[in-house]
Protein backbone atom coordinates (compact mmCIF):
# COMPACT_ATOMS: atom_id res chain seq x y z
CA MET A 1 -8.14 53.08 27.13
CA SER A 2 -8.55 49.40 26.24
CA LYS A 3 -6.71 46.74 28.22
CA GLN A 4 -6.55 44.52 25.15
CA LYS A 5 -3.15 43.96 23.54
CA HIS A 6 -2.26 42.89 20.02
CA VAL A 7 0.04 39.90 19.49
CA SER A 8 1.63 39.09 16.15
CA ILE A 9 3.46 35.83 15.37
CA ARG A 10 5.09 34.25 12.36
CA CYS A 11 3.96 30.76 11.51
CA ASP A 12 4.37 28.22 8.73
CA SER A 13 1.30 28.34 6.47
CA ASP A 14 0.69 24.57 6.66
CA ILE A 15 0.54 24.51 10.45
CA LEU A 16 -1.52 27.71 10.48
CA ASN A 17 -4.08 26.17 8.12
CA LYS A 18 -4.27 23.09 10.36
CA PHE A 19 -4.67 25.36 13.38
CA TYR A 20 -7.61 27.13 11.70
CA TYR A 21 -9.11 23.71 10.92
CA VAL A 22 -8.87 22.73 14.60
CA SER A 23 -10.30 26.10 15.63
CA LYS A 24 -13.30 25.69 13.34
CA TYR A 25 -13.76 22.08 14.49
CA ASN A 26 -13.90 23.40 18.08
CA GLY A 27 -16.44 26.07 17.07
CA ARG A 28 -14.02 28.95 17.56
CA SER A 29 -12.39 31.55 15.37
CA GLY A 30 -8.61 31.47 15.16
CA SER A 31 -8.42 34.35 17.65
CA GLY A 32 -10.93 32.67 19.94
CA GLN A 33 -8.89 29.45 19.89
CA ILE A 34 -5.68 31.34 20.74
CA LEU A 35 -7.41 33.13 23.64
CA TYR A 36 -8.78 29.79 24.87
CA MET A 37 -5.30 28.26 24.75
CA ILE A 38 -3.67 31.23 26.52
CA ARG A 39 -6.28 31.13 29.30
CA SER A 40 -5.82 27.36 29.65
CA VAL A 41 -2.04 27.66 29.96
CA VAL A 42 -2.29 30.44 32.55
CA GLU A 43 -4.96 28.56 34.51
CA GLN A 44 -2.86 25.37 34.58
CA PHE A 45 0.28 27.30 35.54
CA GLU A 46 -1.52 28.98 38.44
CA LYS A 47 -3.02 25.65 39.52
CA ASP A 48 0.47 24.10 39.60
CA ASN A 49 2.45 27.10 40.90
CA GLY A 50 0.04 29.46 42.65
CA LYS A 51 -1.68 32.63 41.51
CA ILE A 52 0.38 35.11 39.51
CA THR A 53 0.16 38.40 41.42
CA ASN A 54 0.64 41.99 40.33
CA GLU A 55 3.90 41.91 42.29
CA ASP A 56 5.07 38.97 40.13
CA LEU A 57 4.24 40.96 36.99
CA LYS A 58 6.03 44.06 38.28
CA GLU A 59 9.21 42.02 38.78
CA LEU A 60 9.24 41.41 35.02
CA ASN A 61 8.01 44.92 34.15
CA LEU A 62 4.77 43.45 32.78
CA THR A 63 2.37 45.97 34.32
CA GLN A 64 1.40 49.36 33.02
């Protein structure tokens, strides 16, 4: 079974088009840009606050 999850969001079309422009400018697809941003946010959070452990995720029922 795949560990990948699907995320769906609603977004204004103007900002979404600009986002795709930025993504293409950075040499990424829209999905690739979102994954890059998510990884960057998590990395910065863990740098500032310490590693997020499985125990932390269990507290919020975020593990399978």
